[in-house]
Amino acid sequence: MRVVDGLLLLLLALSGSGAQGEGGGLGQVGEISEFQETAPRDAAEESAESTTEQTTPDIWAEVRALRDMVVELKVELRNMEARVKDSESQVNDLKAELMVTKVHVELLQRENSVQATDLISLGTRLTATESKTSDLEKVNADLQTRLSSSESELLLSKSRIDQLERENAERPKVAFYTALTDAGTLGPYNTDITLKYSKVFTNIGNAYNPATGFFTAPVKGVYYFQFTVFGHLQGYMGVQLYKNNRRIMYNDEWIREGHSYYLTNSVVSELMAGDEIHLVLPSSYSLYDNANNHSTFSGSLLFTL
């Protein structure tokens, strides 16, 4: 820029000098014309004047060319200044955009930092959730194992229940309950007699025979028997319990005049199929029974063997 300014100043100076010379030249031309009118010139003077006339137009042409160049340089300078201003404006715009971009970058960095913190928090929560999930899976596996075990036990229990139900269905059902007589006093006799309990109230399995007074075990098992006897005559009252031909129980009581007595007892006995149980009234003993069923005999199968 300084070089251009200096060149412009030089051209302006030359333009000023040329203008003065041009003005002076015109004056000289006028004077020469006047002199030519008044006095004749020699050949040398005419030749010098001719040379001067030829040189002067060339100088002015160069000055005009320089002036035109100066004008073009001024125009180009103005264009350059305009471009520089445009460049400065663009630089300012770029600076503004850069500032905005920087702000955006800072915001993005902040958001990224927040997202990174959130990501770490989510990672921690995910780890905790995975741990809880693992614990729940273990609990679920344990529950599945226990459920499978419970199902197995349930199936086993059901199987055992079914087996017991089948066994119970297949097991003979034996139970009886009888009373002695409605005739009142029975005895005393001169010999032992088998008591025939003629009033049969229950006889499941038909193991008791009221015609003989014998109970016959239908299957091998454990049986329960109970008897009750009543007496009111003075003297002995009582019964004997026999298994097959062997006496296994003997109960009696002396009755005083004007008194009444009850005897009751029970027995649990293992019997083979076909074994017999019956009650015997000893000689000289008496019993009493009527519609109130004071003297009874009962029994049942507890379980098979």
Protein backbone atom coordinates (compact mmCIF):
# COMPACT_ATOMS: atom_id res chain seq x y z
CA MET A 1 0.00 0.00 0.00
CA ARG A 2 2.82 2.44 0.78
CA VAL A 3 4.49 1.69 -2.59
CA VAL A 4 1.25 2.37 -4.43
CA ASP A 5 0.76 5.64 -2.56
CA GLY A 6 4.30 6.74 -3.44
CA LEU A 7 3.77 5.87 -7.10
CA LEU A 8 0.56 7.88 -7.13
CA LEU A 9 2.30 10.87 -5.64
CA LEU A 10 5.04 10.63 -8.28
CA LEU A 11 2.55 10.48 -11.12
CA LEU A 12 0.67 13.46 -9.72
CA ALA A 13 3.90 15.44 -9.61
CA LEU A 14 4.69 14.53 -13.18
CA SER A 15 1.20 15.49 -14.23
CA GLY A 16 1.69 18.92 -12.68
CA SER A 17 5.03 19.43 -14.43
CA GLY A 18 3.64 18.32 -17.77
CA ALA A 19 0.77 20.74 -17.44
CA GLN A 20 3.14 23.60 -16.80
CA GLY A 21 5.35 22.52 -19.72
CA GLU A 22 2.34 22.22 -21.95
CA GLY A 23 1.25 25.68 -21.05
CA GLY A 24 4.76 27.02 -21.63
CA GLY A 25 5.05 25.17 -24.89
CA LEU A 26 1.93 26.76 -26.20
CA GLY A 27 3.29 30.14 -25.29
CA GLN A 28 6.49 29.44 -27.13
CA VAL A 29 4.57 28.24 -30.16
CA GLY A 30 2.63 31.47 -30.14
CA GLU A 31 5.81 33.50 -29.83
CA ILE A 32 7.47 31.56 -32.65
CA SER A 33 4.49 32.13 -34.84
CA GLU A 34 4.65 35.82 -34.15
CA PHE A 35 8.40 35.82 -34.78
CA GLN A 36 7.96 34.01 -38.01
CA GLU A 37 5.60 36.65 -39.13
CA THR A 38 8.03 39.40 -38.32
CA ALA A 39 11.40 37.89 -39.31
CA PRO A 40 12.61 35.11 -41.45
CA ARG A 41 14.23 32.05 -39.72
CA ASP A 42 17.18 30.14 -40.77
CA ALA A 43 17.23 26.47 -41.51
CA ALA A 44 18.78 25.43 -38.15
CA GLU A 45 16.14 27.15 -36.13
CA GLU A 46 13.42 25.64 -38.19
CA SER A 47 14.93 22.21 -37.70
CA ALA A 48 15.07 22.69 -33.89
CA GLU A 49 11.56 23.86 -33.75
CA SER A 50 10.43 20.90 -35.76
CA THR A 51 12.18 18.55 -33.34
CA THR A 52 10.59 20.29 -30.36
CA GLU A 53 7.19 20.05 -31.91
CA GLN A 54 7.66 16.32 -32.50
CA THR A 55 8.96 15.66 -28.94
CA THR A 56 6.28 17.60 -27.06
CA PRO A 57 3.30 15.57 -28.25
CA ASP A 58 5.09 12.35 -27.30
CA ILE A 59 5.64 13.54 -23.69
CA TRP A 60 2.04 14.52 -23.30
CA ALA A 61 0.95 11.16 -24.64
CA GLU A 62 3.09 9.44 -22.04
CA VAL A 63 1.70 11.71 -19.30
CA ARG A 64 -1.82 10.90 -20.37
CA ALA A 65 -0.95 7.21 -20.39
CA LEU A 66 0.50 7.54 -16.89
CA ARG A 67 -2.60 9.40 -15.77
CA ASP A 68 -4.79 6.65 -17.15
CA MET A 69 -2.64 4.11 -15.33
CA VAL A 70 -3.02 6.10 -12.12
CA VAL A 71 -6.79 6.13 -12.58
CA GLU A 72 -6.83 2.39 -13.21
CA LEU A 73 -4.62 1.86 -10.16
CA LYS A 74 -7.00 3.96 -8.06
CA VAL A 75 -9.93 1.92 -9.30
CA GLU A 76 -8.08 -1.31 -8.65
CA LEU A 77 -7.08 0.04 -5.23
CA ARG A 78 -10.67 0.79 -4.41
CA ASN A 79 -11.63 -2.72 -5.57
CA MET A 80 -8.86 -4.17 -3.42
CA GLU A 81 -10.05 -2.14 -0.43
CA ALA A 82 -13.59 -3.39 -1.05
CA ARG A 83 -12.33 -6.98 -1.25
CA VAL A 84 -10.30 -6.45 1.92
CA LYS A 85 -13.39 -5.12 3.67
CA ASP A 86 -15.35 -8.13 2.37
CA SER A 87 -12.54 -10.39 3.62
CA GLU A 88 -12.57 -8.65 7.01
CA SER A 89 -16.37 -9.05 7.15
CA GLN A 90 -16.02 -12.72 6.26
CA VAL A 91 -13.30 -13.09 8.89
CA ASN A 92 -15.58 -11.47 11.47
CA ASP A 93 -18.41 -13.74 10.40
CA LEU A 94 -16.06 -16.71 10.67
CA LYS A 95 -14.98 -15.54 14.12
CA ALA A 96 -18.63 -15.25 15.15
CA GLU A 97 -19.36 -18.70 13.76
CA LEU A 98 -16.26 -19.99 15.52
CA MET A 99 -17.49 -18.53 18.81
CA VAL A 100 -20.93 -20.07 18.28
CA THR A 101 -19.27 -23.38 17.38
CA LYS A 102 -17.11 -23.13 20.48
CA VAL A 103 -20.19 -22.52 22.61
CA HIS A 104 -21.90 -25.48 20.96
CA VAL A 105 -18.82 -27.61 21.57
CA GLU A 106 -18.76 -26.59 25.24
CA LEU A 107 -22.47 -27.40 25.54
CA LEU A 108 -21.90 -30.74 23.84
CA GLN A 109 -18.98 -31.44 26.17
CA ARG A 110 -21.18 -30.65 29.15
CA GLU A 111 -23.96 -32.84 27.80
CA ASN A 112 -21.40 -35.56 27.10
CA SER A 113 -20.13 -35.26 30.67
CA VAL A 114 -23.70 -35.51 32.01
CA GLN A 115 -24.40 -38.45 29.71
CA ALA A 116 -21.16 -40.10 30.83
CA THR A 117 -22.25 -39.67 34.46
CA ASP A 118 -25.69 -41.05 33.62
CA LEU A 119 -24.05 -43.91 31.75
CA ILE A 120 -21.90 -44.75 34.78
CA SER A 121 -25.00 -44.59 36.98
CA LEU A 122 -26.89 -46.80 34.55
CA GLY A 123 -23.94 -49.20 34.48
CA THR A 124 -23.98 -49.36 38.28
CA ARG A 125 -27.75 -49.90 38.32
CA LEU A 126 -27.40 -52.49 35.57
CA THR A 127 -24.75 -54.32 37.60
CA ALA A 128 -27.00 -54.22 40.66
CA THR A 129 -29.94 -55.42 38.57
CA GLU A 130 -27.84 -58.23 37.11
CA SER A 131 -26.80 -59.20 40.64
CA LYS A 132 -30.42 -59.18 41.79
CA THR A 133 -31.39 -61.13 38.69
CA SER A 134 -28.69 -63.68 39.48
CA ASP A 135 -29.94 -63.95 43.06
CA LEU A 136 -33.52 -64.31 41.82
CA GLU A 137 -32.40 -66.97 39.36
CA LYS A 138 -30.73 -68.85 42.21
CA VAL A 139 -33.87 -68.51 44.34
CA ASN A 140 -35.98 -69.60 41.39
CA ALA A 141 -33.70 -72.58 40.80
CA ASP A 142 -33.97 -73.48 44.48
CA LEU A 143 -37.74 -73.10 44.32
CA GLN A 144 -37.81 -75.23 41.18
CA THR A 145 -35.75 -77.87 42.96
CA ARG A 146 -38.00 -77.73 46.00
CA LEU A 147 -41.06 -77.76 43.77
CA SER A 148 -39.73 -80.79 41.93
CA SER A 149 -38.99 -82.44 45.27
CA SER A 150 -42.45 -81.51 46.54
CA GLU A 151 -44.01 -82.84 43.35
CA SER A 152 -42.03 -86.06 43.76
CA GLU A 153 -43.10 -86.31 47.39
CA LEU A 154 -46.66 -85.51 46.37
CA LEU A 155 -46.57 -88.19 43.71
CA LEU A 156 -45.08 -90.61 46.23
CA SER A 157 -47.71 -89.67 48.81
CA LYS A 158 -50.43 -90.03 46.21
CA SER A 159 -49.00 -93.38 45.23
CA ARG A 160 -48.94 -94.48 48.87
CA ILE A 161 -52.47 -93.19 49.36
CA ASP A 162 -53.59 -95.03 46.28
CA GLN A 163 -51.85 -98.14 47.56
CA LEU A 164 -53.45 -97.76 50.99
CA GLU A 165 -56.81 -97.19 49.35
CA ARG A 166 -56.32 -100.31 47.27
CA GLU A 167 -55.17 -102.24 50.31
CA ASN A 168 -58.07 -100.85 52.29
CA ALA A 169 -60.44 -101.78 49.49
CA GLU A 170 -58.89 -105.22 49.27
CA ARG A 171 -58.64 -105.68 53.04
CA PRO A 172 -61.54 -107.58 54.51
CA LYS A 173 -63.86 -105.44 56.59
CA VAL A 174 -64.75 -107.29 59.76
CA ALA A 175 -66.82 -105.94 62.66
CA PHE A 176 -69.69 -107.24 64.77
CA TYR A 177 -71.78 -106.21 67.75
CA THR A 178 -74.23 -108.51 69.56
CA ALA A 179 -76.35 -108.80 72.73
CA LEU A 180 -77.07 -112.01 74.66
CA THR A 181 -80.85 -112.46 75.03
CA ASP A 182 -84.18 -110.93 75.90
CA ALA A 183 -85.06 -113.88 78.23
CA GLY A 184 -83.69 -112.35 81.43
CA THR A 185 -81.65 -114.64 83.73
CA LEU A 186 -79.38 -117.22 82.14
CA GLY A 187 -77.98 -119.99 84.48
CA PRO A 188 -76.74 -121.29 86.77
CA TYR A 189 -75.99 -124.61 84.99
CA ASN A 190 -74.25 -127.80 86.13
CA THR A 191 -71.70 -127.54 83.28
CA ASP A 192 -69.89 -124.91 81.24
CA ILE A 193 -71.90 -123.70 78.24
CA THR A 194 -70.94 -121.64 75.15
CA LEU A 195 -72.79 -118.34 75.16
CA LYS A 196 -74.74 -117.68 71.98
CA TYR A 197 -75.33 -113.99 71.54
CA SER A 198 -78.54 -114.16 69.57
CA LYS A 199 -79.25 -110.45 69.06
CA VAL A 200 -76.99 -109.40 66.20
CA PHE A 201 -76.88 -105.66 65.48
CA THR A 202 -73.75 -105.51 63.32
CA ASN A 203 -72.02 -108.33 61.48
CA ILE A 204 -69.86 -106.88 58.69
CA GLY A 205 -68.04 -109.69 56.95
CA ASN A 206 -70.36 -112.28 58.57
CA ALA A 207 -67.49 -113.57 60.70
CA TYR A 208 -69.75 -114.06 63.75
CA ASN A 209 -72.21 -116.98 63.81
CA PRO A 210 -75.15 -116.40 66.22
CA ALA A 211 -76.22 -120.06 65.92
CA THR A 212 -72.94 -121.28 67.45
CA GLY A 213 -71.69 -118.18 69.29
CA PHE A 214 -68.30 -118.47 67.51
CA PHE A 215 -66.36 -115.72 65.75
CA THR A 216 -64.12 -117.11 62.98
CA ALA A 217 -61.23 -114.98 61.70
CA PRO A 218 -61.50 -114.66 57.89
CA VAL A 219 -57.87 -113.48 57.43
CA LYS A 220 -54.65 -113.35 59.36
CA GLY A 221 -54.51 -110.19 61.39
CA VAL A 222 -54.87 -108.42 64.68
CA TYR A 223 -58.39 -108.29 66.15
CA TYR A 224 -60.01 -106.38 68.97
CA PHE A 225 -62.76 -107.95 71.19
CA GLN A 226 -64.84 -106.51 74.01
CA PHE A 227 -67.54 -107.98 76.25
CA THR A 228 -69.87 -106.73 78.99
CA VAL A 229 -71.84 -108.97 81.38
CA PHE A 230 -74.48 -108.16 83.96
CA GLY A 231 -75.78 -110.12 86.97
CA HIS A 232 -78.19 -109.54 89.89
CA LEU A 233 -78.69 -113.01 91.48
CA GLN A 234 -76.79 -113.87 94.63
CA GLY A 235 -73.78 -115.97 93.69
CA TYR A 236 -71.05 -115.84 90.99
CA MET A 237 -71.34 -114.08 87.66
CA GLY A 238 -68.69 -113.99 84.94
CA VAL A 239 -67.41 -115.32 81.58
CA GLN A 240 -64.36 -117.02 80.10
CA LEU A 241 -62.90 -116.05 76.66
CA TYR A 242 -61.50 -118.85 74.51
CA LYS A 243 -59.24 -118.76 71.49
CA ASN A 244 -59.92 -122.02 69.71
CA ASN A 245 -59.83 -124.49 72.65
CA ARG A 246 -57.57 -122.44 74.90
CA ARG A 247 -58.88 -120.08 77.55
CA ILE A 248 -57.15 -116.66 77.34
CA MET A 249 -59.29 -114.63 79.75
CA TYR A 250 -61.41 -115.34 82.87
CA ASN A 251 -63.49 -112.68 84.66
CA ASP A 252 -65.96 -113.22 87.52
CA GLU A 253 -67.61 -111.45 90.44
CA TRP A 254 -69.54 -112.54 93.58
CA ILE A 255 -72.91 -110.89 93.84
CA ARG A 256 -74.32 -110.24 97.26
CA GLU A 257 -77.99 -110.54 97.85
CA GLY A 258 -79.88 -107.50 96.74
CA HIS A 259 -77.05 -106.16 94.56
CA SER A 260 -76.27 -106.00 90.82
CA TYR A 261 -72.88 -105.96 89.07
CA TYR A 262 -71.38 -105.23 85.64
CA LEU A 263 -68.19 -106.70 84.28
CA THR A 264 -66.50 -105.37 81.14
CA ASN A 265 -63.17 -106.22 79.56
CA SER A 266 -61.38 -106.22 76.20
CA VAL A 267 -58.60 -108.07 74.45
CA VAL A 268 -56.40 -107.61 71.37
CA SER A 269 -55.39 -110.88 69.78
CA GLU A 270 -53.44 -111.98 66.75
CA LEU A 271 -55.41 -114.59 64.83
CA MET A 272 -54.68 -116.79 61.91
CA ALA A 273 -57.33 -117.27 59.23
CA GLY A 274 -59.78 -119.84 60.68
CA ASP A 275 -59.00 -119.20 64.36
CA GLU A 276 -62.13 -118.99 66.58
CA ILE A 277 -63.14 -116.81 69.51
CA HIS A 278 -66.09 -117.55 71.82
CA LEU A 279 -67.32 -116.81 75.34
CA VAL A 280 -68.18 -119.51 77.94
CA LEU A 281 -70.45 -119.31 81.00
CA PRO A 282 -68.84 -121.44 83.74
CA SER A 283 -70.97 -123.94 85.67
CA SER A 284 -72.87 -122.52 88.67
CA TYR A 285 -72.52 -119.00 87.17
CA SER A 286 -75.45 -116.84 86.02
CA LEU A 287 -75.97 -113.76 83.79
CA TYR A 288 -78.84 -111.45 83.06
CA ASP A 289 -79.96 -109.68 79.88
CA ASN A 290 -83.16 -108.22 78.48
CA ALA A 291 -84.29 -105.75 75.91
CA ASN A 292 -81.89 -103.17 77.41
CA ASN A 293 -78.88 -105.25 76.20
CA HIS A 294 -76.93 -105.41 79.46
CA SER A 295 -74.69 -108.30 78.29
CA THR A 296 -72.91 -107.70 74.92
CA PHE A 297 -70.11 -109.12 72.80
CA SER A 298 -68.32 -107.19 69.98
CA GLY A 299 -65.16 -107.28 67.93
CA SER A 300 -63.42 -105.99 64.77
CA LEU A 301 -60.35 -106.45 62.56
CA LEU A 302 -57.71 -103.82 63.33
CA PHE A 303 -55.33 -104.69 60.47
CA THR A 304 -54.18 -107.61 58.44
CA LEU A 305 -50.78 -109.28 58.67
